[in-house]
Protein backbone atom coordinates (compact mmCIF):
# COMPACT_ATOMS: atom_id res chain seq x y z
CA UNK A 1 0.00 0.00 0.00
CA UNK A 2 1.44 3.37 -1.01
CA UNK A 3 2.06 5.91 1.75
CA UNK A 4 -0.10 9.06 1.77
CA UNK A 5 1.14 12.04 -0.21
CA UNK A 6 3.38 14.26 1.89
CA UNK A 7 2.79 17.85 0.79
CA UNK A 8 5.83 19.01 2.71
CA UNK A 9 8.19 17.32 0.25
CA UNK A 10 8.68 18.09 -3.45
CA UNK A 11 6.44 16.13 -5.83
CA UNK A 12 7.92 16.03 -9.31
CA UNK A 13 4.55 15.02 -10.78
CA UNK A 14 3.26 18.47 -9.90
CA UNK A 15 6.16 20.34 -11.45
CA UNK A 16 5.56 22.40 -14.60
CA UNK A 17 6.53 21.26 -18.05
CA UNK A 18 9.72 22.61 -19.56
CA UNK A 19 7.65 25.07 -21.59
CA UNK A 20 5.82 26.34 -18.52
CA UNK A 21 9.11 26.55 -16.62
CA UNK A 22 10.74 28.62 -19.39
CA UNK A 23 7.76 30.96 -19.40
CA UNK A 24 7.91 31.40 -15.61
CA UNK A 25 11.64 32.14 -15.66
CA UNK A 26 11.29 34.52 -18.61
CA UNK A 27 8.61 36.53 -16.85
CA UNK A 28 10.66 36.62 -13.66
CA UNK A 29 13.56 37.96 -15.74
CA UNK A 30 11.31 40.71 -17.12
CA UNK A 31 11.65 39.59 -20.73
CA UNK A 32 9.03 39.30 -23.44
CA UNK A 33 8.90 36.38 -25.86
CA UNK A 34 10.31 38.65 -28.52
CA UNK A 35 13.24 39.75 -26.35
CA UNK A 36 14.11 36.19 -25.33
CA UNK A 37 13.98 35.07 -28.95
CA UNK A 38 16.41 37.82 -29.91
CA UNK A 39 18.80 36.82 -27.13
CA UNK A 40 18.89 33.14 -28.13
CA UNK A 41 18.74 33.59 -31.89
CA UNK A 42 15.28 32.23 -32.64
CA UNK A 43 11.88 33.70 -33.47
CA UNK A 44 9.46 34.84 -30.80
CA UNK A 45 6.80 32.69 -32.45
CA UNK A 46 9.03 29.66 -31.82
CA UNK A 47 9.44 30.71 -28.18
CA UNK A 48 5.66 30.94 -27.84
CA UNK A 49 5.25 27.41 -29.18
CA UNK A 50 7.96 26.05 -26.88
CA UNK A 51 6.26 27.66 -23.88
CA UNK A 52 2.91 26.20 -24.92
CA UNK A 53 4.49 22.73 -25.33
CA UNK A 54 3.67 22.79 -29.05
CA UNK A 55 7.33 22.30 -29.97
CA UNK A 56 10.15 20.47 -28.14
CA UNK A 57 13.25 22.63 -27.61
CA UNK A 58 16.60 21.19 -28.62
CA UNK A 59 19.36 20.78 -26.07
CA UNK A 60 21.27 23.65 -27.70
CA UNK A 61 18.26 25.94 -27.47
CA UNK A 62 17.74 24.97 -23.83
CA UNK A 63 21.34 25.85 -23.04
CA UNK A 64 20.95 29.20 -24.80
CA UNK A 65 17.71 29.95 -22.95
CA UNK A 66 19.25 29.01 -19.61
CA UNK A 67 22.14 31.36 -20.32
CA UNK A 68 19.88 34.22 -21.36
CA UNK A 69 17.76 33.79 -18.23
CA UNK A 70 20.83 33.35 -16.00
CA UNK A 71 19.52 29.96 -14.94
CA UNK A 72 21.06 26.60 -14.17
CA UNK A 73 21.67 24.80 -17.47
CA UNK A 74 21.38 21.38 -15.81
CA UNK A 75 18.00 22.29 -14.37
CA UNK A 76 16.64 23.32 -17.76
CA UNK A 77 17.92 20.11 -19.31
CA UNK A 78 16.55 18.12 -16.39
CA UNK A 79 13.06 19.47 -16.79
CA UNK A 80 13.15 18.63 -20.49
CA UNK A 81 14.12 15.03 -19.68
CA UNK A 82 17.53 15.42 -21.29
CA UNK A 83 19.68 14.39 -18.30
CA UNK A 84 20.15 11.08 -16.49
CA UNK A 85 17.85 10.04 -13.65
CA UNK A 86 20.62 10.27 -11.06
CA UNK A 87 20.96 13.98 -11.82
CA UNK A 88 17.19 14.26 -11.48
CA UNK A 89 17.32 12.85 -7.99
CA UNK A 90 20.00 15.33 -6.97
CA UNK A 91 18.06 18.35 -8.25
CA UNK A 92 14.82 17.18 -6.65
CA UNK A 93 16.56 17.45 -3.29
CA UNK A 94 17.37 21.12 -3.96
CA UNK A 95 14.11 22.71 -2.91
CA UNK A 96 15.46 26.18 -3.66
CA UNK A 97 15.27 25.29 -7.36
CA UNK A 98 11.51 24.78 -7.21
CA UNK A 99 9.50 27.58 -8.80
CA UNK A 100 8.05 30.05 -6.34
CA UNK A 101 4.46 29.00 -6.78
CA UNK A 102 5.30 25.33 -6.10
CA UNK A 103 7.06 26.30 -2.88
CA UNK A 104 3.98 28.31 -1.89
CA UNK A 105 1.72 25.34 -2.62
CA UNK A 106 4.03 23.01 -0.73
CA UNK A 107 4.03 25.36 2.27
CA UNK A 108 0.25 25.59 2.28
CA UNK A 109 0.13 29.27 1.31
CA UNK A 110 -2.15 28.55 -1.66
CA UNK A 111 -5.22 26.35 -1.34
CA UNK A 112 -7.80 25.14 -3.84
CA UNK A 113 -10.50 25.78 -1.26
CA UNK A 114 -9.68 29.49 -1.16
CA UNK A 115 -10.16 29.77 -4.92
CA UNK A 116 -13.44 27.82 -4.83
CA UNK A 117 -14.77 30.03 -2.01
CA UNK A 118 -13.94 33.12 -4.02
CA UNK A 119 -15.87 31.80 -7.03
CA UNK A 120 -18.88 30.93 -4.88
CA UNK A 121 -18.90 34.36 -3.27
CA UNK A 122 -18.72 36.13 -6.62
CA UNK A 123 -22.36 35.26 -7.31
CA UNK A 124 -21.64 34.58 -10.98
CA UNK A 125 -24.77 33.67 -12.91
CA UNK A 126 -26.01 33.68 -16.47
CA UNK A 127 -26.50 37.43 -16.67
CA UNK A 128 -26.76 39.15 -20.06
CA UNK A 129 -23.90 41.06 -21.62
CA UNK A 130 -24.39 44.81 -21.30
CA UNK A 131 -22.57 47.73 -22.90
CA UNK A 132 -20.10 49.25 -20.46
CA UNK A 133 -19.60 52.99 -20.12
CA UNK A 134 -16.32 54.68 -20.91
CA UNK A 135 -15.89 55.38 -17.20
CA UNK A 136 -16.18 51.65 -16.42
CA UNK A 137 -13.58 50.80 -19.04
CA UNK A 138 -11.20 53.45 -17.71
CA UNK A 139 -11.68 52.29 -14.12
CA UNK A 140 -10.99 48.65 -15.06
CA UNK A 141 -7.92 49.60 -17.09
CA UNK A 142 -6.63 51.82 -14.27
CA UNK A 143 -7.04 48.95 -11.81
CA UNK A 144 -5.05 46.64 -14.10
CA UNK A 145 -2.26 49.19 -14.56
CA UNK A 146 -2.00 50.10 -10.87
CA UNK A 147 -1.86 46.42 -9.94
CA UNK A 148 0.88 45.76 -12.47
CA UNK A 149 2.88 48.79 -11.27
CA UNK A 150 2.57 47.67 -7.65
CA UNK A 151 3.63 44.12 -8.51
CA UNK A 152 6.58 44.96 -10.75
CA UNK A 153 7.68 48.48 -9.87
CA UNK A 154 6.76 49.68 -13.36
CA UNK A 155 6.98 53.46 -13.64
CA UNK A 156 3.77 54.50 -15.33
CA UNK A 157 4.68 55.76 -18.77
CA UNK A 158 3.84 55.31 -22.42
CA UNK A 159 4.00 52.93 -24.22
CA UNK A 160 2.13 50.56 -21.94
CA UNK A 161 3.89 47.12 -21.80
CA UNK A 162 0.72 45.23 -22.67
CA UNK A 163 2.41 41.88 -23.39
CA UNK A 164 4.03 41.87 -19.95
CA UNK A 165 0.77 42.97 -18.30
CA UNK A 166 -1.10 40.14 -20.00
CA UNK A 167 1.44 37.58 -18.85
CA UNK A 168 1.55 38.96 -15.31
CA UNK A 169 -2.17 38.19 -15.17
CA UNK A 170 -1.38 34.51 -15.78
CA UNK A 171 -2.32 34.42 -19.47
CA UNK A 172 -0.18 32.69 -22.09
CA UNK A 173 0.66 34.21 -25.47
CA UNK A 174 0.81 31.72 -28.34
CA UNK A 175 1.44 32.40 -32.02
CA UNK A 176 -0.30 29.88 -34.24
CA UNK A 177 -2.11 29.58 -37.55
CA UNK A 178 -5.79 30.47 -37.07
CA UNK A 179 -8.15 29.62 -39.91
CA UNK A 180 -10.32 32.42 -41.26
CA UNK A 181 -13.66 32.36 -43.08
CA UNK A 182 -13.50 34.00 -46.52
CA UNK A 183 -13.51 37.77 -46.19
CA UNK A 184 -12.70 37.77 -42.46
CA UNK A 185 -9.47 38.83 -40.80
CA UNK A 186 -8.87 37.16 -37.44
CA UNK A 187 -5.88 38.68 -35.68
CA UNK A 188 -6.36 36.90 -32.39
CA UNK A 189 -8.52 34.66 -30.25
CA UNK A 190 -8.95 33.62 -26.64
CA UNK A 191 -8.95 30.12 -25.21
CA UNK A 192 -10.11 30.53 -21.58
CA UNK A 193 -9.74 26.82 -20.81
CA UNK A 194 -5.96 27.09 -21.18
CA UNK A 195 -5.72 30.83 -20.30
CA UNK A 196 -4.20 31.44 -23.73
CA UNK A 197 -4.34 34.43 -26.04
CA UNK A 198 -3.60 33.27 -29.57
CA UNK A 199 -2.15 35.61 -32.16
CA UNK A 200 -2.67 34.62 -35.78
CA UNK A 201 0.63 33.67 -37.37
CA UNK A 202 -0.98 34.27 -40.78
CA UNK A 203 -0.71 37.99 -40.06
CA UNK A 204 2.80 38.00 -38.61
CA UNK A 205 4.07 40.29 -41.37
CA UNK A 206 1.26 42.76 -40.70
CA UNK A 207 1.99 42.85 -36.98
CA UNK A 208 5.73 43.22 -37.59
CA UNK A 209 5.42 45.93 -40.21
CA UNK A 210 2.47 47.97 -38.95
CA UNK A 211 2.47 49.67 -35.55
CA UNK A 212 -0.64 48.96 -33.50
CA UNK A 213 -2.30 45.66 -34.44
CA UNK A 214 -0.28 43.40 -32.12
CA UNK A 215 -0.62 45.37 -28.83
CA UNK A 216 -4.24 46.23 -29.61
CA UNK A 217 -5.06 42.57 -30.28
CA UNK A 218 -3.47 41.55 -26.97
CA UNK A 219 -5.35 44.26 -25.09
CA UNK A 220 -8.60 43.37 -26.88
CA UNK A 221 -8.36 39.67 -25.98
CA UNK A 222 -7.40 40.60 -22.42
CA UNK A 223 -10.62 42.63 -22.33
CA UNK A 224 -12.54 39.50 -23.31
CA UNK A 225 -10.76 37.62 -20.52
CA UNK A 226 -11.76 40.21 -17.91
CA UNK A 227 -15.30 40.84 -19.11
CA UNK A 228 -16.48 37.57 -20.63
CA UNK A 229 -14.44 34.67 -19.27
CA UNK A 230 -14.90 35.91 -15.69
CA UNK A 231 -18.36 34.33 -15.73
CA UNK A 232 -17.95 30.76 -17.05
CA UNK A 233 -21.68 29.99 -16.69
CA UNK A 234 -22.48 32.68 -19.23
CA UNK A 235 -20.32 31.55 -22.12
CA UNK A 236 -19.31 28.54 -24.12
CA UNK A 237 -16.15 28.63 -26.18
CA UNK A 238 -16.07 26.42 -29.24
CA UNK A 239 -12.98 25.88 -31.38
CA UNK A 240 -14.06 25.75 -35.00
CA UNK A 241 -12.54 26.40 -38.40
CA UNK A 242 -9.01 25.28 -37.57
CA UNK A 243 -8.76 26.87 -34.16
CA UNK A 244 -10.86 30.01 -34.39
CA UNK A 245 -12.72 30.55 -31.14
CA UNK A 246 -16.28 31.77 -30.89
CA UNK A 247 -17.82 33.23 -27.73
CA UNK A 248 -21.48 32.33 -27.45
CA UNK A 249 -23.83 33.55 -24.76
CA UNK A 250 -26.18 30.95 -23.29
CA UNK A 251 -29.95 31.55 -23.35
CA UNK A 252 -29.50 34.63 -25.47
CA UNK A 253 -32.04 35.13 -28.23
CA UNK A 254 -30.16 37.94 -29.97
CA UNK A 255 -26.79 36.29 -30.21
CA UNK A 256 -25.53 38.66 -32.87
CA UNK A 257 -26.28 41.68 -30.67
CA UNK A 258 -24.60 40.05 -27.67
CA UNK A 259 -21.51 39.23 -29.71
CA UNK A 260 -21.36 42.77 -31.03
CA UNK A 261 -21.58 44.20 -27.50
CA UNK A 262 -18.71 41.97 -26.39
CA UNK A 263 -16.52 43.15 -29.26
CA UNK A 264 -17.29 46.82 -28.58
CA UNK A 265 -16.55 46.38 -24.89
CA UNK A 266 -13.23 44.68 -25.63
CA UNK A 267 -12.22 47.36 -28.15
CA UNK A 268 -12.96 50.23 -25.79
CA UNK A 269 -11.17 48.56 -22.92
CA UNK A 270 -8.13 48.03 -25.16
CA UNK A 271 -7.98 51.72 -26.03
CA UNK A 272 -8.23 52.70 -22.35
CA UNK A 273 -5.52 50.22 -21.36
CA UNK A 274 -3.08 51.29 -24.08
CA UNK A 275 -3.75 55.02 -23.68
CA UNK A 276 -4.66 55.79 -20.04
CA UNK A 277 -6.38 59.13 -19.61
CA UNK A 278 -3.91 60.62 -17.14
CA UNK A 279 -0.80 59.62 -19.07
CA UNK A 280 -2.29 60.78 -22.34
CA UNK A 281 -3.21 64.22 -21.06
CA UNK A 282 0.15 64.68 -19.34
CA UNK A 283 1.96 63.86 -22.56
CA UNK A 284 -0.19 65.99 -24.88
CA UNK A 285 -0.62 69.51 -23.47
CA UNK A 286 -0.69 71.08 -26.96
CA UNK A 287 -2.59 70.26 -30.18
CA UNK A 288 -0.77 68.29 -32.84
CA UNK A 289 0.91 70.53 -35.37
CA UNK A 290 0.47 68.10 -38.25
CA UNK A 291 -0.79 64.69 -39.25
CA UNK A 292 2.83 63.54 -39.43
CA UNK A 293 3.33 64.54 -35.78
CA UNK A 294 0.18 62.65 -34.77
CA UNK A 295 1.32 59.54 -36.62
CA UNK A 296 4.83 59.71 -35.13
CA UNK A 297 3.44 60.05 -31.60
CA UNK A 298 1.08 57.12 -32.10
CA UNK A 299 3.96 54.97 -33.37
CA UNK A 300 6.11 55.88 -30.35
CA UNK A 301 3.31 54.69 -28.06
CA UNK A 302 2.75 51.44 -29.96
CA UNK A 303 -0.73 52.29 -31.23
CA UNK A 304 -2.22 53.20 -34.57
CA UNK A 305 -2.96 56.77 -35.56
CA UNK A 306 -6.65 55.86 -35.64
CA UNK A 307 -6.59 54.46 -32.09
CA UNK A 308 -5.03 57.67 -30.77
CA UNK A 309 -7.60 59.79 -32.60
CA UNK A 310 -10.50 57.71 -31.29
CA UNK A 311 -9.16 57.79 -27.73
CA UNK A 312 -8.85 61.59 -27.75
CA UNK A 313 -12.39 61.86 -29.08
CA UNK A 314 -13.64 59.51 -26.35
CA UNK A 315 -12.09 61.79 -23.74
CA UNK A 316 -13.66 64.88 -25.24
CA UNK A 317 -10.25 66.23 -26.29
CA UNK A 318 -10.77 66.53 -30.01
CA UNK A 319 -9.35 70.03 -29.57
CA UNK A 320 -5.91 68.44 -29.59
CA UNK A 321 -6.66 67.44 -33.19
CA UNK A 322 -8.06 70.83 -34.20
CA UNK A 323 -5.10 71.85 -36.34
CA UNK A 324 -5.51 68.76 -38.49
CA UNK A 325 -8.87 69.83 -39.87
């Protein structure tokens, strides 16, 4: 008869995969997928697939990643199953190598019961989707930004590091090929079951060459995560058409209207997250002298010219665009 599980000792069956471990260490190092890819000489899309366990990293890549993250090469190889079992046994005894969240779980600082109680107390039910006011979007975005600043020491400034904010919330970023119906352009999707925001690799050139689509897509899908996936009883998420995800409200007669409201909510939240009111007004005391100046400013902040124009109009500061006609 097997002895009962001792939660005071490390349990390798509970340890993260090599992809999850790389992601954890990258975030702790303050690097984005793009930055890590540049350091190790591979694409950020490849890094996203490694982290999502869609691709198996080679031993050489693991060594490069360990070096870039100032980690223990043997530990990275160990977690990928590329070292002998006797080395495994040695590392298992080094509790200081365990990721922080596993140590917290082992020490009883995190409990499943606490999470379940929180969900029960939230009173989530199958409520309809309602349009949210601009004030609500700004308040939610401000809460996200203040929490991120408190957690990381980020000095509030533009551009907003949306990819790091998304990952600090526990969401994964994965580049993959998303199928599209004829005439549609799908830049991203959300898979709440795996806490993953997917960016469409079909439009990699667009997101590399044009300023705005990538951060806006991340912020938009994060808006869906906060507004729609927070109430699991309300939505079903079906993967269709080669991975495209659809959000469908339950017991909703006017599905098209509900879907439209969700998209509008996510778009407005994204604009508020990327261009916070206080930072925007501090940075723009004077009207833009030209369209070229407007476009250059938008590029510097990682948004499109159109997003900046819309955000200023939302805030009632179209006067800053007055010289543009």
